[in-house]
Amino acid sequence: MKKLLLLFVASVASVSAFADEGMWLLPYLQKMNIRTMKARGCKLSAEDIYSVDKSSLKDAIVIFGNGCTGEIVSPNGLLFTNHHCGFSSIQELSSVEHDYLKNGFWAMSPEEELPAPGLSVRFIRKIMDVTSEIIGNVPSIAGQEEFEQITAANRKALTEKLLAEYPGMSVEVDAFFGGNQFFAFIIEKFTDVRLVGAPPQSIGKFGGDTDNWMWPRHTGDFSVFRVYAGPDNKPADYSPENKPYKADRFLRISLDGVDENDFAMIMGFPGSTERYMTSYEIDDMLGVSNPNRIFIRGERQAILWEDMLASDKVRIQY
């Protein structure tokens, strides 16, 4: 599933740990999930989490960079994300003299926040089921090639139509569930994003990429940015005159901690899923694709690593 705002919900039963796992689409929470969520302790309504017509929790959760999840945590555009998500921006802002990767960085005032060129933050403002518009005119006997040609033309036409309906926004029309369902995403993209803080690499990347996929984790895997906007609070190119984005909805940080049986959920952007792969595709992944990727990347990494150990400048650049 590509760039979709989804919900994974976990709750704890009174006798033993129990997780109700699943990637749930936000527009379907009211119809499919909210009753169960409330029974397990959720105090939010489906409308609180995802509303088409008014500000809701969805407006505090953003696509950070090329696909990571971030969350707005203040009314002034402050944003939390993972250290590994902010890593490339921290690297680009680093030098031998100012090695923010190695030593970390903290802005002590708004004036010290560092613009991150090329970094963007995207808000999903609306999600629409457009399956009928994309596959409604595909003949039932269409082969794969004809299916792809027709749906590609329909996606292009629908994208152009929605861009005209939502000026200033971008539009993505993506396939889900093996191409059986399509959703359109109306997106507001901010490109003035600035680094506020990050721990040193020894904390933010402790354990390396291996640790990133293990549980329990011991990594301080976070970085802090801020979204800036023009005078109308709309997206604007970088300017010293821009102001922090005024957020209608943001996550309030609690210092109260958690208790046994507290409800918990995760909301964000899983990049993809392989749950619809055929057995042939799995065989190819396990026997051909993955072994070759591991070998090629290992050889490449060994070459880079030798030069990185010999020069701090090259280490930062690589």
C-alpha atoms as a PDB file:
ATOM      1  CA  MET A   1       0.000   0.000   0.000  1.00  0.00           C
ATOM      2  CA  LYS A   2       1.505   3.275  -1.119  1.00  0.00           C
ATOM      3  CA  LYS A   3       1.535   6.491   0.909  1.00  0.00           C
ATOM      4  CA  LEU A   4      -1.755   5.813   2.630  1.00  0.00           C
ATOM      5  CA  LEU A   5      -2.892   7.259   5.912  1.00  0.00           C
ATOM      6  CA  LEU A   6      -3.655   4.127   7.865  1.00  0.00           C
ATOM      7  CA  LEU A   7      -4.353   2.950  11.361  1.00  0.00           C
ATOM      8  CA  PHE A   8      -2.801   0.013  13.163  1.00  0.00           C
ATOM      9  CA  VAL A   9      -4.529  -0.551  16.462  1.00  0.00           C
ATOM     10  CA  ALA A  10      -3.174  -2.514  19.427  1.00  0.00           C
ATOM     11  CA  SER A  11      -4.960  -3.000  22.700  1.00  0.00           C
ATOM     12  CA  VAL A  12      -4.116  -4.910  25.858  1.00  0.00           C
ATOM     13  CA  ALA A  13      -6.553  -7.444  27.264  1.00  0.00           C
ATOM     14  CA  SER A  14      -6.908  -7.855  31.000  1.00  0.00           C
ATOM     15  CA  VAL A  15      -5.365 -11.326  31.123  1.00  0.00           C
ATOM     16  CA  SER A  16      -2.662 -11.334  28.474  1.00  0.00           C
ATOM     17  CA  ALA A  17      -1.109  -9.028  25.901  1.00  0.00           C
ATOM     18  CA  PHE A  18      -3.373  -8.880  22.861  1.00  0.00           C
ATOM     19  CA  ALA A  19      -2.986  -6.947  19.627  1.00  0.00           C
ATOM     20  CA  ASP A  20      -5.746  -6.496  17.078  1.00  0.00           C
ATOM     21  CA  GLU A  21      -3.513  -5.982  14.091  1.00  0.00           C
ATOM     22  CA  GLY A  22      -4.467  -4.615  10.729  1.00  0.00           C
ATOM     23  CA  MET A  23      -3.930  -1.765   8.300  1.00  0.00           C
ATOM     24  CA  TRP A  24      -7.229   0.076   8.344  1.00  0.00           C
ATOM     25  CA  LEU A  25      -8.251   2.809   5.943  1.00  0.00           C
ATOM     26  CA  LEU A  26      -9.301   5.994   7.687  1.00  0.00           C
ATOM     27  CA  PRO A  27     -12.455   6.675   5.623  1.00  0.00           C
ATOM     28  CA  TYR A  28     -13.827   3.289   6.753  1.00  0.00           C
ATOM     29  CA  LEU A  29     -13.275   3.698  10.495  1.00  0.00           C
ATOM     30  CA  GLN A  30     -16.882   4.698  11.163  1.00  0.00           C
ATOM     31  CA  LYS A  31     -18.309   1.726   9.297  1.00  0.00           C
ATOM     32  CA  MET A  32     -15.818  -0.959  10.230  1.00  0.00           C
ATOM     33  CA  ASN A  33     -13.637  -0.244  13.251  1.00  0.00           C
ATOM     34  CA  ILE A  34     -14.670   2.471  15.671  1.00  0.00           C
ATOM     35  CA  ARG A  35     -17.096   0.346  17.713  1.00  0.00           C
ATOM     36  CA  THR A  36     -14.344  -2.182  18.496  1.00  0.00           C
ATOM     37  CA  MET A  37     -11.826   0.583  19.169  1.00  0.00           C
ATOM     38  CA  LYS A  38     -14.152   2.252  21.676  1.00  0.00           C
ATOM     39  CA  ALA A  39     -14.855  -1.057  23.398  1.00  0.00           C
ATOM     40  CA  ARG A  40     -11.111  -1.354  23.978  1.00  0.00           C
ATOM     41  CA  GLY A  41     -10.679   2.100  25.427  1.00  0.00           C
ATOM     42  CA  CYS A  42     -10.405   4.593  22.555  1.00  0.00           C
ATOM     43  CA  LYS A  43     -11.877   7.931  23.619  1.00  0.00           C
ATOM     44  CA  LEU A  44     -11.859   9.471  20.149  1.00  0.00           C
ATOM     45  CA  SER A  45     -14.717   9.268  17.690  1.00  0.00           C
ATOM     46  CA  ALA A  46     -14.176   8.275  14.074  1.00  0.00           C
ATOM     47  CA  GLU A  47     -14.857  11.925  13.176  1.00  0.00           C
ATOM     48  CA  ASP A  48     -12.130  13.029  15.625  1.00  0.00           C
ATOM     49  CA  ILE A  49      -9.633  10.828  13.789  1.00  0.00           C
ATOM     50  CA  TYR A  50     -10.692  11.413  10.190  1.00  0.00           C
ATOM     51  CA  SER A  51     -13.078  14.098   9.025  1.00  0.00           C
ATOM     52  CA  VAL A  52     -13.541  15.208   5.433  1.00  0.00           C
ATOM     53  CA  ASP A  53     -15.082  18.567   6.270  1.00  0.00           C
ATOM     54  CA  LYS A  54     -13.207  19.771   9.352  1.00  0.00           C
ATOM     55  CA  SER A  55      -9.877  19.570  11.111  1.00  0.00           C
ATOM     56  CA  SER A  56      -9.174  16.162  12.640  1.00  0.00           C
ATOM     57  CA  LEU A  57      -6.306  14.009  13.828  1.00  0.00           C
ATOM     58  CA  LYS A  58      -5.361  13.287  10.217  1.00  0.00           C
ATOM     59  CA  ASP A  59      -4.201  16.924   9.945  1.00  0.00           C
ATOM     60  CA  ALA A  60      -1.554  16.349  12.620  1.00  0.00           C
ATOM     61  CA  ILE A  61      -0.012  13.354  10.818  1.00  0.00           C
ATOM     62  CA  VAL A  62       2.176  14.140   7.802  1.00  0.00           C
ATOM     63  CA  ILE A  63       4.224  12.503   5.094  1.00  0.00           C
ATOM     64  CA  PHE A  64       7.763  13.583   5.923  1.00  0.00           C
ATOM     65  CA  GLY A  65      10.193  13.655   3.004  1.00  0.00           C
ATOM     66  CA  ASN A  66       9.813  10.782   0.564  1.00  0.00           C
ATOM     67  CA  GLY A  67       7.475   8.675   2.647  1.00  0.00           C
ATOM     68  CA  CYS A  68       8.218   8.703   6.362  1.00  0.00           C
ATOM     69  CA  THR A  69       5.603   9.567   8.959  1.00  0.00           C
ATOM     70  CA  GLY A  70       5.854  12.749  11.008  1.00  0.00           C
ATOM     71  CA  GLU A  71       3.559  14.371  13.538  1.00  0.00           C
ATOM     72  CA  ILE A  72       2.847  18.001  14.334  1.00  0.00           C
ATOM     73  CA  VAL A  73       3.227  18.504  18.101  1.00  0.00           C
ATOM     74  CA  SER A  74       2.660  22.228  18.609  1.00  0.00           C
ATOM     75  CA  PRO A  75       0.449  25.017  17.249  1.00  0.00           C
ATOM     76  CA  ASN A  76       3.587  26.504  15.683  1.00  0.00           C
ATOM     77  CA  GLY A  77       4.456  23.739  13.250  1.00  0.00           C
ATOM     78  CA  LEU A  78       6.914  21.773  15.400  1.00  0.00           C
ATOM     79  CA  LEU A  79       7.304  18.273  14.017  1.00  0.00           C
ATOM     80  CA  PHE A  80       8.683  14.985  15.329  1.00  0.00           C
ATOM     81  CA  THR A  81       9.915  12.186  13.088  1.00  0.00           C
ATOM     82  CA  ASN A  82      12.471   9.393  13.234  1.00  0.00           C
ATOM     83  CA  HIS A  83      16.191  10.117  13.226  1.00  0.00           C
ATOM     84  CA  HIS A  84      16.599   7.796  10.252  1.00  0.00           C
ATOM     85  CA  CYS A  85      13.896   9.789   8.435  1.00  0.00           C
ATOM     86  CA  GLY A  86      15.667  13.097   9.057  1.00  0.00           C
ATOM     87  CA  PHE A  87      19.081  11.511   8.467  1.00  0.00           C
ATOM     88  CA  SER A  88      19.632  12.664   4.873  1.00  0.00           C
ATOM     89  CA  SER A  89      18.694  16.270   5.711  1.00  0.00           C
ATOM     90  CA  ILE A  90      20.965  16.261   8.772  1.00  0.00           C
ATOM     91  CA  GLN A  91      23.727  14.872   6.547  1.00  0.00           C
ATOM     92  CA  GLU A  92      23.262  17.547   3.891  1.00  0.00           C
ATOM     93  CA  LEU A  93      23.492  20.276   6.529  1.00  0.00           C
ATOM     94  CA  SER A  94      26.649  18.768   8.043  1.00  0.00           C
ATOM     95  CA  SER A  95      30.282  19.508   7.317  1.00  0.00           C
ATOM     96  CA  VAL A  96      33.601  18.638   8.913  1.00  0.00           C
ATOM     97  CA  GLU A  97      33.379  21.918  10.854  1.00  0.00           C
ATOM     98  CA  HIS A  98      29.714  21.375  11.821  1.00  0.00           C
ATOM     99  CA  ASP A  99      29.228  17.615  11.992  1.00  0.00           C
ATOM    100  CA  TYR A 100      25.581  17.483  13.062  1.00  0.00           C
ATOM    101  CA  LEU A 101      25.431  13.778  12.244  1.00  0.00           C
ATOM    102  CA  LYS A 102      28.161  12.921  14.703  1.00  0.00           C
ATOM    103  CA  ASN A 103      27.526  15.541  17.375  1.00  0.00           C
ATOM    104  CA  GLY A 104      23.823  16.327  17.035  1.00  0.00           C
ATOM    105  CA  PHE A 105      22.226  19.753  16.717  1.00  0.00           C
ATOM    106  CA  TRP A 106      19.866  21.922  18.764  1.00  0.00           C
ATOM    107  CA  ALA A 107      18.503  25.314  17.752  1.00  0.00           C
ATOM    108  CA  MET A 108      18.306  27.529  20.813  1.00  0.00           C
ATOM    109  CA  SER A 109      16.015  30.019  19.055  1.00  0.00           C
ATOM    110  CA  PRO A 110      13.922  30.165  15.855  1.00  0.00           C
ATOM    111  CA  GLU A 111      16.729  32.154  14.225  1.00  0.00           C
ATOM    112  CA  GLU A 112      19.074  29.176  14.660  1.00  0.00           C
ATOM    113  CA  GLU A 113      16.773  26.686  12.918  1.00  0.00           C
ATOM    114  CA  LEU A 114      18.413  25.441   9.709  1.00  0.00           C
ATOM    115  CA  PRO A 115      16.526  25.413   6.375  1.00  0.00           C
ATOM    116  CA  ALA A 116      16.661  21.923   4.841  1.00  0.00           C
ATOM    117  CA  PRO A 117      16.813  22.289   1.030  1.00  0.00           C
ATOM    118  CA  GLY A 118      14.745  19.769  -0.891  1.00  0.00           C
ATOM    119  CA  LEU A 119      12.822  18.561   2.148  1.00  0.00           C
ATOM    120  CA  SER A 120       9.018  18.651   2.070  1.00  0.00           C
ATOM    121  CA  VAL A 121       6.139  17.878   4.403  1.00  0.00           C
ATOM    122  CA  ARG A 122       2.787  16.806   2.962  1.00  0.00           C
ATOM    123  CA  PHE A 123      -0.598  16.940   4.656  1.00  0.00           C
ATOM    124  CA  ILE A 124      -3.338  14.606   3.418  1.00  0.00           C
ATOM    125  CA  ARG A 125      -6.374  16.882   3.352  1.00  0.00           C
ATOM    126  CA  LYS A 126      -8.860  14.475   1.823  1.00  0.00           C
ATOM    127  CA  ILE A 127      -9.107  10.792   0.831  1.00  0.00           C
ATOM    128  CA  MET A 128     -11.671   9.629  -1.736  1.00  0.00           C
ATOM    129  CA  ASP A 129     -12.615   6.171  -2.990  1.00  0.00           C
ATOM    130  CA  VAL A 130     -12.440   6.572  -6.771  1.00  0.00           C
ATOM    131  CA  THR A 131     -12.613   2.906  -7.746  1.00  0.00           C
ATOM    132  CA  SER A 132     -15.646   3.349  -9.981  1.00  0.00           C
ATOM    133  CA  GLU A 133     -14.002   6.240 -11.848  1.00  0.00           C
ATOM    134  CA  ILE A 134     -10.865   4.188 -12.525  1.00  0.00           C
ATOM    135  CA  ILE A 135     -12.136   0.689 -13.329  1.00  0.00           C
ATOM    136  CA  GLY A 136     -15.832   1.280 -13.998  1.00  0.00           C
ATOM    137  CA  ASN A 137     -15.398   1.260 -17.796  1.00  0.00           C
ATOM    138  CA  VAL A 138     -12.941  -1.654 -17.956  1.00  0.00           C
ATOM    139  CA  PRO A 139     -14.526  -4.594 -19.854  1.00  0.00           C
ATOM    140  CA  SER A 140     -14.941  -7.722 -17.737  1.00  0.00           C
ATOM    141  CA  ILE A 141     -12.973  -9.714 -20.341  1.00  0.00           C
ATOM    142  CA  ALA A 142     -10.084  -7.213 -20.515  1.00  0.00           C
ATOM    143  CA  GLY A 143      -6.580  -8.661 -20.410  1.00  0.00           C
ATOM    144  CA  GLN A 144      -3.882  -7.201 -18.187  1.00  0.00           C
ATOM    145  CA  GLU A 145      -2.463  -4.934 -20.878  1.00  0.00           C
ATOM    146  CA  GLU A 146      -5.877  -3.484 -21.755  1.00  0.00           C
ATOM    147  CA  PHE A 147      -6.701  -3.094 -18.045  1.00  0.00           C
ATOM    148  CA  GLU A 148      -3.495  -1.113 -17.453  1.00  0.00           C
ATOM    149  CA  GLN A 149      -4.039   1.102 -20.514  1.00  0.00           C
ATOM    150  CA  ILE A 150      -7.612   1.996 -19.571  1.00  0.00           C
ATOM    151  CA  THR A 151      -6.916   2.560 -15.874  1.00  0.00           C
ATOM    152  CA  ALA A 152      -3.817   4.651 -16.667  1.00  0.00           C
ATOM    153  CA  ALA A 153      -5.890   6.929 -18.919  1.00  0.00           C
ATOM    154  CA  ASN A 154      -8.637   7.157 -16.286  1.00  0.00           C
ATOM    155  CA  ARG A 155      -6.137   8.018 -13.541  1.00  0.00           C
ATOM    156  CA  LYS A 156      -4.617  10.757 -15.686  1.00  0.00           C
ATOM    157  CA  ALA A 157      -8.026  12.276 -16.512  1.00  0.00           C
ATOM    158  CA  LEU A 158      -9.198  12.103 -12.897  1.00  0.00           C
ATOM    159  CA  THR A 159      -5.970  13.647 -11.627  1.00  0.00           C
ATOM    160  CA  GLU A 160      -6.364  16.603 -13.998  1.00  0.00           C
ATOM    161  CA  LYS A 161     -10.006  17.028 -12.948  1.00  0.00           C
ATOM    162  CA  LEU A 162      -9.155  17.026  -9.222  1.00  0.00           C
ATOM    163  CA  LEU A 163      -6.243  19.431  -9.701  1.00  0.00           C
ATOM    164  CA  ALA A 164      -8.704  21.893 -11.209  1.00  0.00           C
ATOM    165  CA  GLU A 165     -11.155  21.359  -8.330  1.00  0.00           C
ATOM    166  CA  TYR A 166      -8.494  21.792  -5.628  1.00  0.00           C
ATOM    167  CA  PRO A 167      -6.155  24.620  -6.741  1.00  0.00           C
ATOM    168  CA  GLY A 168      -2.883  24.833  -4.872  1.00  0.00           C
ATOM    169  CA  MET A 169      -3.044  21.148  -3.932  1.00  0.00           C
ATOM    170  CA  SER A 170      -1.384  18.116  -5.449  1.00  0.00           C
ATOM    171  CA  VAL A 171      -3.233  14.893  -6.250  1.00  0.00           C
ATOM    172  CA  GLU A 172      -2.222  11.253  -6.122  1.00  0.00           C
ATOM    173  CA  VAL A 173      -4.411   8.413  -7.356  1.00  0.00           C
ATOM    174  CA  ASP A 174      -3.090   5.075  -6.121  1.00  0.00           C
ATOM    175  CA  ALA A 175      -4.060   1.429  -6.463  1.00  0.00           C
ATOM    176  CA  PHE A 176      -4.719  -0.779  -3.436  1.00  0.00           C
ATOM    177  CA  PHE A 177      -5.584  -4.404  -2.741  1.00  0.00           C
ATOM    178  CA  GLY A 178      -3.850  -5.717  -5.834  1.00  0.00           C
ATOM    179  CA  GLY A 179      -5.386  -3.114  -8.138  1.00  0.00           C
ATOM    180  CA  ASN A 180      -8.961  -3.883  -7.067  1.00  0.00           C
ATOM    181  CA  GLN A 181      -9.534  -0.529  -5.367  1.00  0.00           C
ATOM    182  CA  PHE A 182      -8.317   3.027  -6.027  1.00  0.00           C
ATOM    183  CA  PHE A 183      -8.100   6.067  -3.773  1.00  0.00           C
ATOM    184  CA  ALA A 184      -7.410   9.710  -4.562  1.00  0.00           C
ATOM    185  CA  PHE A 185      -5.424  11.808  -2.091  1.00  0.00           C
ATOM    186  CA  ILE A 186      -5.694  15.591  -1.975  1.00  0.00           C
ATOM    187  CA  ILE A 187      -2.358  16.815  -0.633  1.00  0.00           C
ATOM    188  CA  GLU A 188      -1.028  20.149   0.623  1.00  0.00           C
ATOM    189  CA  LYS A 189       2.769  20.267   0.274  1.00  0.00           C
ATOM    190  CA  PHE A 190       5.036  22.551   2.337  1.00  0.00           C
ATOM    191  CA  THR A 191       8.628  22.988   1.183  1.00  0.00           C
ATOM    192  CA  ASP A 192      10.041  25.386   3.803  1.00  0.00           C
ATOM    193  CA  VAL A 193      11.049  22.883   6.478  1.00  0.00           C
ATOM    194  CA  ARG A 194      13.826  23.581   8.988  1.00  0.00           C
ATOM    195  CA  LEU A 195      15.913  21.421  11.300  1.00  0.00           C
ATOM    196  CA  VAL A 196      15.305  22.182  14.979  1.00  0.00           C
ATOM    197  CA  GLY A 197      17.105  19.370  16.751  1.00  0.00           C
ATOM    198  CA  ALA A 198      18.648  15.929  16.513  1.00  0.00           C
ATOM    199  CA  PRO A 199      20.628  13.735  18.900  1.00  0.00           C
ATOM    200  CA  PRO A 200      24.161  12.639  18.025  1.00  0.00           C
ATOM    201  CA  GLN A 201      24.392   9.656  15.714  1.00  0.00           C
ATOM    202  CA  SER A 202      25.588   7.467  18.589  1.00  0.00           C
ATOM    203  CA  ILE A 203      22.087   7.878  20.089  1.00  0.00           C
ATOM    204  CA  GLY A 204      19.889   8.441  17.030  1.00  0.00           C
ATOM    205  CA  LYS A 205      21.341   5.515  15.062  1.00  0.00           C
ATOM    206  CA  PHE A 206      22.500   3.336  17.947  1.00  0.00           C
ATOM    207  CA  GLY A 207      22.631  -0.260  16.755  1.00  0.00           C
ATOM    208  CA  GLY A 208      22.547   0.744  13.088  1.00  0.00           C
ATOM    209  CA  ASP A 209      19.924  -0.417  10.621  1.00  0.00           C
ATOM    210  CA  THR A 210      19.753  -3.865  12.190  1.00  0.00           C
ATOM    211  CA  ASP A 211      18.462  -2.365  15.432  1.00  0.00           C
ATOM    212  CA  ASN A 212      15.888  -0.399  13.437  1.00  0.00           C
ATOM    213  CA  TRP A 213      13.998  -3.639  12.737  1.00  0.00           C
ATOM    214  CA  MET A 214      14.282  -5.243  16.172  1.00  0.00           C
ATOM    215  CA  TRP A 215      12.159  -5.103  19.306  1.00  0.00           C
ATOM    216  CA  PRO A 216      12.736  -4.031  22.007  1.00  0.00           C
ATOM    217  CA  ARG A 217      14.732  -1.101  20.645  1.00  0.00           C
ATOM    218  CA  HIS A 218      17.393   0.893  22.438  1.00  0.00           C
ATOM    219  CA  THR A 219      17.677   3.751  19.948  1.00  0.00           C
ATOM    220  CA  GLY A 220      16.913   7.435  20.481  1.00  0.00           C
ATOM    221  CA  ASP A 221      15.476   7.382  16.981  1.00  0.00           C
ATOM    222  CA  PHE A 222      14.032  10.888  16.701  1.00  0.00           C
ATOM    223  CA  SER A 223      14.676  14.227  15.067  1.00  0.00           C
ATOM    224  CA  VAL A 224      12.818  17.539  15.285  1.00  0.00           C
ATOM    225  CA  PHE A 225      11.860  19.896  12.451  1.00  0.00           C
ATOM    226  CA  ARG A 226       9.492  22.824  11.949  1.00  0.00           C
ATOM    227  CA  VAL A 227       7.157  23.579   9.052  1.00  0.00           C
ATOM    228  CA  TYR A 228       7.089  27.181   7.816  1.00  0.00           C
ATOM    229  CA  ALA A 229       4.438  28.908   5.708  1.00  0.00           C
ATOM    230  CA  GLY A 230       3.804  32.172   3.905  1.00  0.00           C
ATOM    231  CA  PRO A 231       1.806  35.064   5.415  1.00  0.00           C
ATOM    232  CA  ASP A 232      -1.471  33.328   4.497  1.00  0.00           C
ATOM    233  CA  ASN A 233      -0.372  30.109   6.281  1.00  0.00           C
ATOM    234  CA  LYS A 234      -0.166  28.427   2.894  1.00  0.00           C
ATOM    235  CA  PRO A 235       2.839  26.662   1.321  1.00  0.00           C
ATOM    236  CA  ALA A 236       5.591  29.014   0.184  1.00  0.00           C
ATOM    237  CA  ASP A 237       9.165  28.722  -1.036  1.00  0.00           C
ATOM    238  CA  TYR A 238      11.808  29.382   1.601  1.00  0.00           C
ATOM    239  CA  SER A 239      12.007  32.976   2.745  1.00  0.00           C
ATOM    240  CA  PRO A 240      13.403  34.548   5.910  1.00  0.00           C
ATOM    241  CA  GLU A 241      10.013  36.269   6.149  1.00  0.00           C
ATOM    242  CA  ASN A 242       8.056  33.012   6.406  1.00  0.00           C
ATOM    243  CA  LYS A 243       6.405  32.203   9.740  1.00  0.00           C
ATOM    244  CA  PRO A 244       5.920  28.886  11.554  1.00  0.00           C
ATOM    245  CA  TYR A 245       2.920  27.007  10.219  1.00  0.00           C
ATOM    246  CA  LYS A 246      -0.175  27.571  12.380  1.00  0.00           C
ATOM    247  CA  ALA A 247      -1.632  24.138  13.049  1.00  0.00           C
ATOM    248  CA  ASP A 248      -5.326  23.753  13.813  1.00  0.00           C
ATOM    249  CA  ARG A 249      -4.704  20.214  15.021  1.00  0.00           C
ATOM    250  CA  PHE A 250      -1.585  18.866  16.721  1.00  0.00           C
ATOM    251  CA  LEU A 251      -0.656  16.069  19.096  1.00  0.00           C
ATOM    252  CA  ARG A 252      -0.428  17.159  22.713  1.00  0.00           C
ATOM    253  CA  ILE A 253       2.499  15.571  24.520  1.00  0.00           C
ATOM    254  CA  SER A 254       1.574  14.018  27.862  1.00  0.00           C
ATOM    255  CA  LEU A 255       4.095  13.552  30.665  1.00  0.00           C
ATOM    256  CA  ASP A 256       1.715  11.346  32.649  1.00  0.00           C
ATOM    257  CA  GLY A 257       3.060   8.083  31.302  1.00  0.00           C
ATOM    258  CA  VAL A 258       0.951   5.027  30.571  1.00  0.00           C
ATOM    259  CA  ASP A 259      -0.978   2.529  32.654  1.00  0.00           C
ATOM    260  CA  GLU A 260      -1.785  -1.137  32.257  1.00  0.00           C
ATOM    261  CA  ASN A 261      -4.605  -1.678  29.713  1.00  0.00           C
ATOM    262  CA  ASP A 262      -4.318   1.830  28.213  1.00  0.00           C
ATOM    263  CA  PHE A 263      -5.544   1.950  24.619  1.00  0.00           C
ATOM    264  CA  ALA A 264      -2.823   2.544  22.033  1.00  0.00           C
ATOM    265  CA  MET A 265      -2.849   3.009  18.284  1.00  0.00           C
ATOM    266  CA  ILE A 266      -0.388   3.861  15.545  1.00  0.00           C
ATOM    267  CA  MET A 267      -1.343   6.181  12.701  1.00  0.00           C
ATOM    268  CA  GLY A 268       0.839   6.859   9.704  1.00  0.00           C
ATOM    269  CA  PHE A 269       2.183   5.892   6.296  1.00  0.00           C
ATOM    270  CA  PRO A 270       3.366   2.328   5.748  1.00  0.00           C
ATOM    271  CA  GLY A 271       5.141   2.504   2.409  1.00  0.00           C
ATOM    272  CA  SER A 272       4.122  -0.823   0.876  1.00  0.00           C
ATOM    273  CA  THR A 273       2.880  -4.307   1.557  1.00  0.00           C
ATOM    274  CA  GLU A 274       3.742  -7.694   0.080  1.00  0.00           C
ATOM    275  CA  ARG A 275       0.654  -9.433   1.461  1.00  0.00           C
ATOM    276  CA  TYR A 276      -0.795  -9.907  -2.034  1.00  0.00           C
ATOM    277  CA  MET A 277       2.280 -11.548  -3.562  1.00  0.00           C
ATOM    278  CA  THR A 278       1.793 -14.875  -5.350  1.00  0.00           C
ATOM    279  CA  SER A 279       3.789 -17.951  -4.342  1.00  0.00           C
ATOM    280  CA  TYR A 280       5.888 -17.497  -7.489  1.00  0.00           C
ATOM    281  CA  GLU A 281       6.743 -13.932  -6.522  1.00  0.00           C
ATOM    282  CA  ILE A 282       7.722 -15.063  -3.020  1.00  0.00           C
ATOM    283  CA  ASP A 283       9.969 -17.776  -4.448  1.00  0.00           C
ATOM    284  CA  ASP A 284      11.635 -15.212  -6.698  1.00  0.00           C
ATOM    285  CA  MET A 285      12.110 -12.789  -3.801  1.00  0.00           C
ATOM    286  CA  LEU A 286      13.644 -15.416  -1.521  1.00  0.00           C
ATOM    287  CA  GLY A 287      15.735 -17.230  -4.123  1.00  0.00           C
ATOM    288  CA  VAL A 288      16.754 -14.526  -6.596  1.00  0.00           C
ATOM    289  CA  SER A 289      15.961 -10.912  -5.752  1.00  0.00           C
ATOM    290  CA  ASN A 290      16.946 -10.711  -2.081  1.00  0.00           C
ATOM    291  CA  PRO A 291      20.207 -12.721  -2.330  1.00  0.00           C
ATOM    292  CA  ASN A 292      21.380 -10.552  -5.220  1.00  0.00           C
ATOM    293  CA  ARG A 293      20.429  -7.330  -3.466  1.00  0.00           C
ATOM    294  CA  ILE A 294      22.264  -8.408  -0.327  1.00  0.00           C
ATOM    295  CA  PHE A 295      25.402  -9.341  -2.297  1.00  0.00           C
ATOM    296  CA  ILE A 296      25.476  -6.198  -4.468  1.00  0.00           C
ATOM    297  CA  ARG A 297      24.755  -3.835  -1.562  1.00  0.00           C
ATOM    298  CA  GLY A 298      27.344  -5.597   0.601  1.00  0.00           C
ATOM    299  CA  GLU A 299      30.055  -5.151  -2.040  1.00  0.00           C
ATOM    300  CA  ARG A 300      29.100  -1.510  -2.534  1.00  0.00           C
ATOM    301  CA  GLN A 301      29.047  -0.839   1.196  1.00  0.00           C
ATOM    302  CA  ALA A 302      32.514  -2.358   1.664  1.00  0.00           C
ATOM    303  CA  ILE A 303      33.940   0.000  -0.981  1.00  0.00           C
ATOM    304  CA  LEU A 304      32.265   3.062   0.525  1.00  0.00           C
ATOM    305  CA  TRP A 305      33.194   2.102   4.085  1.00  0.00           C
ATOM    306  CA  GLU A 306      36.908   1.965   3.328  1.00  0.00           C
ATOM    307  CA  ASP A 307      36.895   5.543   2.035  1.00  0.00           C
ATOM    308  CA  MET A 308      34.591   6.755   4.814  1.00  0.00           C
ATOM    309  CA  LEU A 309      36.972   5.514   7.507  1.00  0.00           C
ATOM    310  CA  ALA A 310      39.836   7.372   5.846  1.00  0.00           C
ATOM    311  CA  SER A 311      38.183  10.817   5.692  1.00  0.00           C
ATOM    312  CA  ASP A 312      35.581  12.634   7.797  1.00  0.00           C
ATOM    313  CA  LYS A 313      34.633  14.709   4.771  1.00  0.00           C
ATOM    314  CA  VAL A 314      33.983  11.631   2.653  1.00  0.00           C
ATOM    315  CA  ARG A 315      32.150   9.957   5.572  1.00  0.00           C
ATOM    316  CA  ILE A 316      29.689  12.847   5.751  1.00  0.00           C
ATOM    317  CA  GLN A 317      29.292  13.020   1.968  1.00  0.00           C
ATOM    318  CA  TYR A 318      28.624   9.281   1.638  1.00  0.00           C
END
